[in-house]
Protein backbone atom coordinates (compact mmCIF):
# COMPACT_ATOMS: atom_id res chain seq x y z
CA MET A 1 0.00 0.01 0.04
CA ARG A 2 1.36 3.41 -0.85
CA LEU A 3 1.00 6.11 1.75
CA ALA A 4 2.52 9.41 0.83
CA ASP A 5 1.68 13.01 1.23
CA ALA A 6 2.70 16.36 -0.27
CA ASP A 7 5.40 17.35 2.18
CA GLY A 8 6.77 14.09 3.61
CA ASP A 9 6.96 10.44 3.15
CA LEU A 10 4.32 8.50 5.18
CA SER A 11 4.74 5.27 3.15
CA GLY A 12 4.33 1.91 4.94
CA SER A 13 2.40 3.25 7.99
CA PRO A 14 0.74 -0.02 9.24
CA THR A 15 -1.51 1.43 11.90
CA LEU A 16 -3.46 4.53 12.43
CA TRP A 17 -1.39 5.53 15.48
CA GLU A 18 1.81 5.37 13.56
CA LEU A 19 0.17 7.52 10.81
CA LEU A 20 -0.67 10.15 13.50
CA ALA A 21 2.85 9.98 15.09
CA ARG A 22 4.49 10.53 11.70
CA ARG A 23 2.19 13.56 10.89
CA ALA A 24 2.90 14.98 14.30
CA ALA A 25 6.61 14.74 13.70
CA LEU A 26 6.37 16.24 10.17
CA THR A 27 4.11 19.27 10.98
CA PRO A 28 3.62 19.48 14.81
CA GLY A 29 2.42 23.06 14.89
CA ALA A 30 0.00 22.73 11.94
CA PRO A 31 -3.76 23.01 12.74
CA ALA A 32 -5.45 19.61 12.89
CA LEU A 33 -8.94 20.04 14.24
CA ILE A 34 -11.20 23.08 14.67
CA GLN A 35 -14.43 22.91 16.84
CA ALA A 36 -16.75 25.68 15.76
CA ASP A 37 -20.33 24.93 16.77
CA GLU A 38 -20.24 24.77 20.55
CA PRO A 39 -21.06 27.64 22.99
CA ALA A 40 -18.81 30.59 22.34
CA ALA A 41 -15.67 30.50 24.56
CA PRO A 42 -13.68 33.65 25.47
CA GLY A 43 -10.92 32.65 23.04
CA GLY A 44 -13.34 31.78 20.23
CA ASP A 45 -13.42 28.53 18.37
CA ARG A 46 -11.17 25.76 19.76
CA ARG A 47 -8.26 24.46 17.76
CA VAL A 48 -5.78 21.65 18.22
CA THR A 49 -2.53 21.04 16.29
CA PHE A 50 -1.21 17.69 15.07
CA GLY A 51 1.47 17.72 17.68
CA ALA A 52 -0.97 18.44 20.52
CA LEU A 53 -3.45 15.88 19.13
CA ARG A 54 -0.82 13.18 19.41
CA GLU A 55 0.22 14.20 22.93
CA ARG A 56 -3.27 14.46 24.36
CA ALA A 57 -4.29 11.14 22.66
CA GLU A 58 -1.31 9.45 24.30
CA ARG A 59 -2.24 10.85 27.72
CA VAL A 60 -5.80 9.72 27.35
CA ALA A 61 -4.54 6.33 26.31
CA ALA A 62 -2.78 6.16 29.60
CA GLY A 63 -5.88 7.21 31.45
CA LEU A 64 -7.86 4.50 29.76
CA TYR A 65 -5.11 1.93 30.54
CA ALA A 66 -5.45 2.89 34.27
CA GLN A 67 -9.20 2.15 33.98
CA GLY A 68 -8.42 -1.38 32.60
CA VAL A 69 -8.46 -0.93 28.92
CA ARG A 70 -5.87 -3.23 27.35
CA PRO A 71 -4.74 -4.20 23.85
CA GLY A 72 -7.70 -6.10 22.37
CA SER A 73 -10.26 -4.78 24.92
CA ARG A 74 -13.58 -4.01 23.37
CA VAL A 75 -14.74 -0.48 24.01
CA ALA A 76 -17.89 1.06 22.71
CA TRP A 77 -18.38 4.78 22.32
CA GLN A 78 -21.45 6.92 21.44
CA LEU A 79 -20.26 10.50 21.04
CA PRO A 80 -20.98 13.50 18.84
CA THR A 81 -18.45 14.93 16.41
CA ARG A 82 -16.01 16.89 18.48
CA ILE A 83 -12.32 17.05 19.34
CA GLU A 84 -12.73 14.82 22.43
CA THR A 85 -14.30 12.13 20.29
CA VAL A 86 -11.41 12.15 17.93
CA VAL A 87 -8.92 12.10 20.81
CA LEU A 88 -10.64 9.13 22.36
CA SER A 89 -10.66 7.15 19.13
CA LEU A 90 -7.02 7.82 18.54
CA ALA A 91 -6.23 6.89 22.17
CA LEU A 92 -7.93 3.58 21.66
CA ALA A 93 -5.86 3.14 18.49
CA ARG A 94 -2.72 3.79 20.57
CA LEU A 95 -3.72 1.09 22.93
CA GLY A 96 -4.66 -1.46 20.27
CA ALA A 97 -8.14 -1.75 21.65
CA VAL A 98 -11.12 -2.89 19.56
CA GLN A 99 -13.51 0.09 19.27
CA THR A 100 -17.11 -0.02 18.26
CA PRO A 101 -18.52 3.46 17.35
CA LEU A 102 -22.23 4.11 17.69
CA ILE A 103 -24.06 7.06 16.06
CA PRO A 104 -25.44 9.38 18.82
CA SER A 105 -28.95 8.90 17.52
CA CYS A 106 -28.93 5.20 18.30
CA ARG A 107 -31.19 4.25 21.23
CA ASP A 108 -31.83 1.25 23.46
CA ARG A 109 -32.31 -1.31 20.81
CA GLU A 110 -29.21 -0.58 18.69
CA VAL A 111 -26.88 0.20 21.67
CA GLY A 112 -28.02 -2.83 23.55
CA HIS A 113 -27.52 -5.06 20.56
CA ALA A 114 -24.00 -3.68 20.10
CA LEU A 115 -23.08 -4.33 23.72
CA ARG A 116 -24.54 -7.74 23.81
CA THR A 117 -22.97 -8.97 20.60
CA THR A 118 -19.47 -7.40 21.10
CA GLY A 119 -19.25 -8.00 24.87
CA ALA A 120 -17.80 -4.58 25.21
CA ARG A 121 -16.58 -3.83 28.83
CA HIS A 122 -16.34 -0.09 28.52
CA LEU A 123 -18.88 2.41 27.08
CA ALA A 124 -18.23 6.15 26.65
CA VAL A 125 -21.23 8.40 26.45
CA PRO A 126 -21.81 12.16 26.32
CA GLY A 127 -24.17 12.50 29.31
CA THR A 128 -27.23 14.51 28.37
CA TRP A 129 -26.82 15.66 24.75
CA ARG A 130 -29.34 17.45 22.67
CA GLY A 131 -32.08 16.73 25.33
CA PHE A 132 -31.44 13.01 25.60
CA ASP A 133 -29.91 11.41 28.73
CA HIS A 134 -27.37 8.89 27.30
CA THR A 135 -25.94 8.04 30.69
CA ALA A 136 -29.40 6.93 31.94
CA MET A 137 -29.94 4.84 28.77
CA ALA A 138 -26.50 3.21 29.17
CA ARG A 139 -27.10 2.31 32.76
CA ARG A 140 -30.56 1.03 31.87
CA ILE A 141 -29.06 -1.29 29.19
CA ALA A 142 -26.09 -2.26 31.48
CA GLY A 143 -28.70 -3.62 34.03
CA THR A 144 -29.85 -6.22 31.45
CA LEU A 145 -26.39 -7.59 30.68
CA PRO A 146 -24.54 -10.37 32.41
CA HIS A 147 -21.31 -8.45 32.35
CA PRO A 148 -22.30 -4.76 32.37
CA PRO A 149 -19.70 -2.35 30.91
CA LEU A 150 -18.05 0.43 32.76
CA VAL A 151 -19.95 3.57 31.65
CA PHE A 152 -17.89 6.79 31.62
CA PRO A 153 -18.53 10.26 30.42
CA ALA A 154 -16.36 11.55 27.48
CA TYR A 155 -17.90 14.76 26.27
CA ASP A 156 -15.47 17.30 27.55
CA ALA A 157 -13.53 15.39 30.14
CA LEU A 158 -11.40 12.32 29.28
CA PRO A 159 -9.29 10.31 31.77
CA GLU A 160 -5.60 11.16 31.44
CA ALA A 161 -2.44 9.70 32.98
CA ASP A 162 1.36 9.57 32.57
CA PRO A 163 2.13 7.84 29.14
CA ALA A 164 5.20 6.26 30.68
CA ALA A 165 3.05 3.41 31.97
CA LEU A 166 1.72 2.42 28.51
CA PRO A 167 2.76 -0.80 26.79
CA PRO A 168 4.33 -0.40 23.38
CA ALA A 169 2.02 0.78 20.53
CA PRO A 170 0.62 -1.90 18.25
CA THR A 171 2.59 -2.61 15.04
CA SER A 172 0.20 -4.68 13.11
CA GLY A 173 -2.46 -3.13 10.92
CA THR A 174 -4.06 -6.43 10.04
CA ASP A 175 -5.69 -7.23 13.36
CA VAL A 176 -9.43 -6.42 13.73
CA ARG A 177 -9.49 -3.11 15.65
CA TRP A 178 -12.95 -1.73 14.60
CA ILE A 179 -16.51 -2.96 14.68
CA TYR A 180 -18.93 -0.78 12.78
CA TRP A 181 -22.63 -1.43 12.18
CA THR A 182 -24.77 -1.58 9.09
CA SER A 183 -27.87 0.66 9.08
CA GLY A 184 -30.20 -2.19 10.15
CA THR A 185 -33.74 -1.54 9.01
CA THR A 186 -35.97 -4.62 9.38
CA SER A 187 -33.49 -6.73 11.37
CA ASP A 188 -30.61 -6.34 13.77
CA PRO A 189 -27.62 -4.47 12.54
CA LYS A 190 -24.59 -6.50 11.36
CA GLY A 191 -21.28 -5.98 13.08
CA VAL A 192 -18.73 -5.04 10.33
CA LEU A 193 -15.09 -5.95 11.17
CA HIS A 194 -12.38 -3.55 10.02
CA MET A 195 -8.70 -3.43 10.41
CA ASP A 196 -6.50 -0.27 10.56
CA ARG A 197 -5.24 -1.36 7.18
CA SER A 198 -8.64 -1.44 5.49
CA LEU A 199 -9.50 1.98 6.79
CA ILE A 200 -6.02 3.47 5.86
CA ALA A 201 -6.51 1.97 2.38
CA SER A 202 -9.89 3.74 2.10
CA GLY A 203 -8.50 7.12 3.35
CA THR A 204 -5.49 6.84 1.05
CA HIS A 205 -7.56 6.47 -2.09
CA LEU A 206 -9.75 9.37 -1.01
CA ALA A 207 -6.56 11.57 -0.51
CA ASP A 208 -5.23 10.53 -3.85
CA ALA A 209 -8.46 11.18 -5.69
CA LEU A 210 -9.25 14.65 -4.18
CA GLY A 211 -5.55 15.74 -4.16
CA LEU A 212 -6.01 18.11 -1.09
CA THR A 213 -3.06 20.02 0.26
CA PRO A 214 -2.10 21.64 3.59
CA ASN A 215 -3.68 24.85 2.23
CA ASP A 216 -7.10 23.27 2.18
CA VAL A 217 -9.59 23.29 5.07
CA GLY A 218 -11.81 20.30 5.24
CA SER A 219 -15.11 19.79 7.05
CA MET A 220 -17.01 16.99 8.66
CA ALA A 221 -20.76 17.45 8.61
CA PHE A 222 -21.54 13.81 9.16
CA PRO A 223 -21.06 11.93 12.37
CA PHE A 224 -17.51 10.93 13.23
CA ALA A 225 -18.92 7.69 14.42
CA HIS A 226 -19.76 6.81 10.85
CA VAL A 227 -17.12 4.65 9.07
CA GLY A 228 -16.29 7.77 6.97
CA GLY A 229 -14.93 9.35 10.18
CA PRO A 230 -11.49 7.63 10.29
CA ASP A 231 -11.65 7.55 6.49
CA TYR A 232 -11.56 11.37 6.48
CA MET A 233 -8.96 11.53 9.36
CA VAL A 234 -6.54 9.29 7.39
CA MET A 235 -6.87 11.77 4.53
CA ALA A 236 -6.15 14.70 6.84
CA LEU A 237 -3.20 12.94 8.37
CA LEU A 238 -1.79 12.09 4.95
CA ARG A 239 -2.19 15.60 3.52
CA GLY A 240 -1.70 17.64 6.64
CA PHE A 241 -4.81 19.95 6.46
CA PRO A 242 -7.21 20.94 9.23
CA VAL A 243 -10.80 19.69 9.55
CA LEU A 244 -13.69 21.70 10.85
CA LEU A 245 -15.89 19.58 13.09
CA LEU A 246 -19.61 20.24 13.64
CA GLU A 247 -21.53 18.52 16.44
CA HIS A 248 -24.76 19.36 14.67
CA PHE A 249 -24.79 20.25 11.01
CA ALA A 250 -27.83 22.48 10.01
CA LEU A 251 -28.24 25.08 7.38
CA PRO A 252 -28.09 27.98 7.31
CA ASP A 253 -26.74 27.96 10.86
CA SER A 254 -23.53 26.12 9.95
CA LEU A 255 -22.67 28.54 7.10
CA ALA A 256 -21.10 31.13 9.45
CA ALA A 257 -18.49 28.53 10.66
CA TYR A 258 -17.69 27.39 7.16
CA ARG A 259 -17.08 31.09 6.10
CA ARG A 260 -15.25 31.95 9.25
CA HIS A 261 -12.64 29.28 8.74
CA GLY A 262 -12.49 29.45 4.95
CA VAL A 263 -13.64 25.86 4.28
CA THR A 264 -12.46 24.79 0.82
CA VAL A 265 -13.84 21.30 0.79
CA ALA A 266 -17.49 20.52 1.92
CA GLY A 267 -20.07 17.82 1.26
CA GLY A 268 -20.81 14.43 2.79
CA SER A 269 -23.44 12.90 0.60
CA THR A 270 -26.03 13.76 -2.13
CA VAL A 271 -28.45 15.22 0.35
CA PHE A 272 -25.77 17.68 1.64
CA TYR A 273 -25.11 18.85 -1.92
CA ALA A 274 -28.77 19.60 -2.32
CA MET A 275 -28.85 21.40 1.08
CA PHE A 276 -26.01 23.72 0.09
CA LEU A 277 -27.57 24.29 -3.28
CA ALA A 278 -30.89 25.21 -1.70
CA GLU A 279 -29.04 27.84 0.53
CA GLN A 280 -27.22 29.23 -2.53
CA ARG A 281 -30.44 29.74 -4.37
CA LYS A 282 -31.61 32.07 -1.51
CA ALA A 283 -28.72 34.33 -2.36
CA PRO A 284 -28.49 34.56 -6.16
CA GLY A 285 -25.45 36.58 -7.40
CA ARG A 286 -23.51 36.02 -4.15
CA ARG A 287 -21.43 32.98 -3.37
CA ILE A 288 -22.45 31.83 0.14
CA LEU A 289 -19.06 30.02 0.49
CA PRO A 290 -16.42 32.18 -1.16
CA ALA A 291 -13.55 29.86 -0.32
CA LEU A 292 -15.21 26.65 -1.47
CA ARG A 293 -13.55 24.93 -4.37
CA LEU A 294 -14.67 21.35 -4.06
CA MET A 295 -17.75 19.51 -2.93
CA ALA A 296 -17.15 15.82 -2.35
CA GLY A 297 -19.02 12.91 -0.92
CA GLY A 298 -20.77 9.62 -1.54
CA GLY A 299 -23.25 7.37 0.16
CA ALA A 300 -26.18 7.80 -2.28
CA PRO A 301 -26.88 8.04 -5.90
CA LYS A 302 -26.19 11.48 -7.40
CA PRO A 303 -28.59 12.69 -10.18
CA PRO A 304 -26.53 14.43 -13.07
CA GLU A 305 -28.95 17.37 -12.90
CA LEU A 306 -27.95 18.04 -9.35
CA HIS A 307 -24.28 17.76 -10.17
CA HIS A 308 -24.48 20.37 -12.88
CA ALA A 309 -26.54 22.71 -10.73
CA VAL A 310 -24.00 22.51 -7.91
CA VAL A 311 -21.06 23.19 -10.18
CA ARG A 312 -22.95 26.05 -11.96
CA GLU A 313 -24.41 27.81 -8.94
CA LEU A 314 -22.03 27.15 -6.12
CA GLY A 315 -19.02 27.79 -8.37
CA CYS A 316 -17.01 24.75 -7.32
CA ARG A 317 -16.08 21.24 -8.58
CA LEU A 318 -18.08 18.22 -7.44
CA THR A 319 -16.64 14.74 -7.09
CA HIS A 320 -18.71 11.82 -5.95
CA GLY A 321 -17.68 8.32 -4.86
CA TYR A 322 -19.09 4.91 -3.97
CA GLY A 323 -18.61 3.17 -0.67
CA MET A 324 -20.37 1.10 1.98
CA THR A 325 -19.72 0.24 5.59
CA GLU A 326 -18.07 -3.00 4.47
CA ALA A 327 -15.80 -1.06 1.98
CA PRO A 328 -15.80 2.70 2.72
CA MET A 329 -13.93 3.67 -0.40
CA ILE A 330 -14.61 1.62 -3.60
CA THR A 331 -14.53 4.27 -6.25
CA MET A 332 -14.14 8.10 -6.25
CA GLY A 333 -14.16 10.87 -8.85
CA SER A 334 -11.26 13.26 -9.10
CA PRO A 335 -11.43 17.05 -9.80
CA ASP A 336 -9.35 16.37 -12.92
CA ASP A 337 -11.84 13.85 -14.37
CA PRO A 338 -13.90 14.99 -17.39
CA GLU A 339 -17.07 16.71 -16.44
CA GLU A 340 -19.31 14.09 -18.06
CA ARG A 341 -17.59 11.33 -16.00
CA LEU A 342 -17.99 13.39 -12.82
CA ALA A 343 -21.70 13.90 -13.57
CA GLY A 344 -22.61 10.43 -14.80
CA THR A 345 -20.28 7.94 -12.89
CA GLU A 346 -19.11 7.10 -9.38
CA GLY A 347 -15.52 7.53 -10.38
CA ARG A 348 -12.76 4.92 -10.87
CA PRO A 349 -11.79 2.11 -8.56
CA ALA A 350 -9.45 2.74 -5.70
CA THR A 351 -5.81 1.57 -5.99
CA GLY A 352 -5.79 -2.14 -5.16
CA MET A 353 -9.60 -2.47 -5.60
CA THR A 354 -10.81 -4.98 -8.22
CA ILE A 355 -14.36 -4.62 -9.41
CA ARG A 356 -16.15 -7.47 -11.10
CA ILE A 357 -19.58 -7.06 -12.75
CA THR A 358 -21.50 -10.33 -12.77
CA SER A 359 -24.63 -12.11 -13.77
CA PRO A 360 -26.85 -13.50 -10.95
CA ASP A 361 -24.88 -16.74 -11.11
CA GLY A 362 -21.60 -14.94 -10.61
CA MET A 363 -20.21 -15.08 -14.14
CA PRO A 364 -18.46 -11.95 -15.38
CA VAL A 365 -20.40 -9.87 -17.95
CA PRO A 366 -18.96 -7.76 -20.82
CA ILE A 367 -17.86 -4.16 -20.29
CA GLY A 368 -20.92 -1.88 -20.52
CA THR A 369 -23.30 -4.59 -19.46
CA ASP A 370 -25.26 -4.16 -16.22
CA GLY A 371 -24.84 -6.80 -13.47
CA GLU A 372 -24.13 -7.16 -9.83
CA VAL A 373 -21.17 -5.24 -8.54
CA ARG A 374 -18.67 -7.47 -6.69
CA LEU A 375 -15.25 -6.40 -5.32
CA ARG A 376 -12.15 -7.50 -3.79
CA GLY A 377 -9.28 -5.28 -2.32
CA GLU A 378 -7.44 -3.81 0.66
CA ALA A 379 -10.32 -1.51 1.60
CA VAL A 380 -12.82 -4.52 2.00
CA PHE A 381 -13.69 -5.44 5.62
CA ARG A 382 -12.48 -8.63 7.27
CA GLY A 383 -15.98 -10.06 7.69
CA TYR A 384 -19.03 -9.81 10.01
CA LEU A 385 -19.30 -10.64 13.69
CA ASP A 386 -21.46 -13.60 12.73
CA PRO A 387 -19.39 -16.07 10.63
CA ARG A 388 -22.54 -17.35 8.83
CA GLN A 389 -23.19 -13.84 7.55
CA THR A 390 -19.50 -13.61 6.39
CA ALA A 391 -19.80 -16.80 4.37
CA GLU A 392 -22.97 -15.53 2.68
CA ALA A 393 -21.38 -12.09 1.81
CA PHE A 394 -18.49 -13.53 -0.27
CA ASP A 395 -18.46 -15.68 -3.36
CA ALA A 396 -16.19 -18.63 -4.14
CA ASP A 397 -13.43 -16.25 -5.44
CA GLY A 398 -13.44 -13.99 -2.44
CA PHE A 399 -15.40 -11.13 -3.96
CA LEU A 400 -17.83 -9.25 -1.73
CA ARG A 401 -21.43 -9.38 -3.09
CA THR A 402 -22.51 -5.77 -2.75
CA GLY A 403 -26.11 -6.10 -3.97
CA ASP A 404 -25.64 -3.02 -6.07
CA LEU A 405 -26.20 -3.09 -9.84
CA GLY A 406 -24.14 -1.28 -12.42
CA HIS A 407 -21.52 -1.55 -15.17
CA LEU A 408 -17.97 -0.37 -15.89
CA THR A 409 -17.18 1.90 -18.96
CA GLU A 410 -14.53 1.34 -21.49
CA ASP A 411 -12.27 3.87 -19.70
CA GLY A 412 -12.68 2.24 -16.26
CA TYR A 413 -15.44 4.33 -14.51
CA LEU A 414 -18.28 2.75 -12.47
CA VAL A 415 -21.87 3.60 -13.33
CA LEU A 416 -24.37 2.35 -10.67
CA THR A 417 -27.95 1.71 -11.97
CA GLY A 418 -29.67 0.54 -8.77
CA ARG A 419 -29.83 -1.98 -5.92
CA ALA A 420 -30.64 -5.54 -6.55
CA LYS A 421 -33.19 -5.12 -3.75
CA ASP A 422 -34.30 -1.85 -5.33
CA VAL A 423 -35.50 -3.31 -8.58
CA ILE A 424 -39.28 -3.23 -8.85
CA VAL A 425 -40.69 -6.30 -10.59
CA ARG A 426 -43.95 -5.16 -12.28
CA LYS A 427 -45.79 -7.82 -14.19
CA GLY A 428 -42.52 -9.72 -14.67
CA GLU A 429 -40.60 -6.75 -15.97
CA ASN A 430 -37.75 -5.17 -14.07
CA VAL A 431 -38.02 -1.44 -13.21
CA SER A 432 -35.02 0.46 -11.89
CA ALA A 433 -36.06 2.83 -9.10
CA GLN A 434 -32.86 4.82 -9.52
CA GLU A 435 -33.61 5.49 -13.19
CA ILE A 436 -37.00 7.04 -12.40
CA GLU A 437 -35.55 9.02 -9.63
CA GLN A 438 -32.84 10.60 -11.75
CA LEU A 439 -35.34 11.52 -14.26
CA LEU A 440 -37.83 13.10 -11.73
CA HIS A 441 -34.95 15.23 -10.29
CA GLY A 442 -35.19 17.20 -13.55
CA HIS A 443 -38.77 18.29 -12.77
CA PRO A 444 -39.01 21.89 -11.29
CA GLY A 445 -41.69 20.70 -8.86
CA VAL A 446 -39.41 18.00 -7.39
CA GLU A 447 -36.90 18.91 -4.65
CA ASP A 448 -36.27 15.28 -3.73
CA VAL A 449 -37.77 11.90 -4.64
CA ALA A 450 -37.64 8.26 -3.73
CA VAL A 451 -39.30 5.50 -5.92
CA VAL A 452 -40.32 2.24 -4.28
CA GLY A 453 -42.17 -0.88 -5.20
CA LEU A 454 -45.37 -1.59 -3.31
CA PRO A 455 -47.34 -4.90 -3.11
CA ASP A 456 -49.98 -5.19 -5.76
CA ALA A 457 -52.33 -8.13 -6.27
CA ALA A 458 -52.64 -7.56 -10.10
CA ARG A 459 -49.09 -6.51 -10.94
CA GLY A 460 -46.90 -8.20 -8.24
CA GLU A 461 -45.56 -4.69 -7.52
CA ARG A 462 -46.62 -1.17 -8.42
CA VAL A 463 -44.33 1.74 -8.96
CA CYS A 464 -44.89 4.55 -6.33
CA ALA A 465 -43.01 7.88 -6.55
CA VAL A 466 -42.65 9.76 -3.12
CA VAL A 467 -41.88 13.37 -3.76
CA GLN A 468 -40.76 16.20 -1.58
CA GLN A 469 -41.48 19.59 -3.21
CA PRO A 470 -39.63 22.91 -3.07
CA GLU A 471 -41.10 25.62 -0.95
CA GLY A 472 -43.74 27.48 -2.87
CA ALA A 473 -44.03 25.00 -5.73
CA ALA A 474 -47.40 24.25 -7.33
CA PRO A 475 -48.98 20.99 -6.08
CA LEU A 476 -47.74 18.07 -8.21
CA THR A 477 -50.15 15.50 -9.70
CA LEU A 478 -49.57 11.99 -11.03
CA ALA A 479 -50.40 13.27 -14.50
CA ASP A 480 -47.66 15.83 -14.13
CA VAL A 481 -45.15 13.14 -13.14
CA THR A 482 -46.05 10.77 -15.89
CA ALA A 483 -46.04 13.49 -18.55
CA HIS A 484 -42.60 14.57 -17.50
CA LEU A 485 -41.28 10.92 -17.65
CA ARG A 486 -42.93 10.26 -20.94
CA ALA A 487 -41.22 13.32 -22.42
CA ALA A 488 -37.94 12.07 -21.12
CA GLY A 489 -38.41 8.83 -23.03
CA LEU A 490 -39.11 6.47 -20.16
CA ALA A 491 -40.73 3.21 -21.11
CA VAL A 492 -44.42 2.95 -20.52
CA HIS A 493 -44.18 -0.02 -18.20
CA LYS A 494 -41.91 1.95 -15.81
CA LEU A 495 -44.29 4.87 -15.32
CA PRO A 496 -45.46 5.35 -11.67
CA GLU A 497 -48.89 4.29 -10.87
CA GLN A 498 -48.94 6.13 -7.54
CA LEU A 499 -47.76 9.50 -6.35
CA GLU A 500 -47.31 10.57 -2.77
CA VAL A 501 -46.20 14.03 -1.62
CA VAL A 502 -44.55 14.40 1.72
CA ASP A 503 -43.10 17.22 3.71
CA ALA A 504 -39.75 15.46 4.08
CA LEU A 505 -38.39 12.11 3.08
CA PRO A 506 -37.37 9.95 6.07
CA ARG A 507 -33.66 9.70 6.43
CA ASN A 508 -30.92 8.16 8.62
CA ASP A 509 -28.71 10.33 10.82
CA THR A 510 -25.37 9.46 9.25
CA LEU A 511 -25.21 10.30 5.52
CA ARG A 512 -28.98 10.95 5.46
CA LYS A 513 -29.92 8.12 3.17
CA VAL A 514 -33.57 7.81 2.49
CA LEU A 515 -35.24 4.95 4.52
CA LYS A 516 -37.20 3.40 1.83
CA TYR A 517 -38.47 0.69 4.09
CA LYS A 518 -40.44 3.40 6.01
CA LEU A 519 -41.98 4.60 2.74
CA ARG A 520 -43.04 1.00 1.93
CA GLU A 521 -44.60 0.51 5.39
CA ARG A 522 -46.49 3.84 5.15
CA PHE A 523 -47.87 3.56 1.53
CA SER A 524 -48.31 -0.15 1.01
CA SER A 525 -52.08 0.03 1.35
CA PRO A 526 -54.02 0.46 -1.97
CA PRO A 527 -54.12 3.97 -3.35
CA SER A 528 -57.13 6.00 -2.12
CA SER A 529 -59.64 7.51 -4.42
CA ASP A 530 -57.80 10.83 -4.66
CA ARG A 531 -54.70 9.15 -5.93
CA GLN A 532 -55.84 6.71 -8.48
CA PRO A 533 -53.23 4.60 -10.38
CA PHE A 534 -52.35 5.89 -13.79
CA ALA A 535 -54.40 4.20 -16.47
CA ARG A 536 -52.29 2.85 -19.39
């Protein structure tokens, strides 16, 4: 694996801790983290340099060691995106502990499942945060476990001690050190096992693709507890630029911090692009983020119309990638890529990532032909906590079955066309939800849209478009939708038979992906008289 940055050689770093140590030695006084959305302090926004970050993380590692955390100990933490959270995570990396991050919005079911299945003996919580008492929840869950974890606060006070008592830092990047969790919708989340090596491989490709320098200022609008957290930190350590942290990202409130610190790189996922674009449209003729030069992210399909609108109106480049909890960085666009490839693809595969497009029986299909996306490479996870789930996830050649559908172009870019589970089967014909969604994004009365298949006695499934409209837009009708899609050349058998307009699409709290299962649950009953199916 090649690990190098613009001002020093970081090649060969096997662990996250060694990567931090080398960055701290190269540029100890350079800013690493900026906290900008907490109550104003007399000195203004808090900052920490790379040198101070390493020193504090090592002191906290000693404090955790004094509390019984050892190499291999399993430690869960459920914390917001702030400097202390990054310090705690790096301290656990110094110890060689196995950490399982939990998104702050998780509640009893998800947190209890994580503690039971991992056997974590320590749990860090933020106390009462945004009106919810995490400590009370943690103690409530602990009372149900045979070996309750030690619950300790880690919002603004972390245990510290003399690092002289610490054992040597880990040297192997191939041991399982991270347990992340899939989103979990209708069943318990799966525990996803990562190594330092797999996360470093992901962050390295992100750094190579985006080409950031120490003159850039990054930003983290999504939870650091997401698998993209260490992914982004690896990139910052490799390239030596500071990252703006936000406990709670909200627009327009967060814009002041972005402007104050001259953020040059923003994003997170498709919905973040749309949110920034909506704010820009409130101020035509004036750039809301004057220093912004790049919007970047992944996590959800990106309609080409949205790409072009962001580039045109926000005055920046937009690069989009493809990843999943099991493989955080699969492909990524680069600012130097042709515009048509940035708008219409997910970028090219990461270094060391092999993508195979297959038929349902696992046989490779020709270039340009749609099939299931399967992959193998350094950024791919080790497996799931449940060995049975691991066996089901990989094929006989060791390729991960992603469940995503797409094809590779002649010049090596990946085009995603849907999810295997997101294909609607209507009267025996396959209908891609993503194809319809991308076309509807071009309708002026559509701000956001999700297309789902609903049970239907006559058709097997019927096509339902769920639309979120822009403020002040004229009410949308099913006839409007189908006329737009017909004009775009969509096949008749793919036209929606049901339209639902909602105030907001339901989303998760990480990269804000649409929770389609909630839409299916809500709208699975037959259409009412005021929303008759479209007659063909």
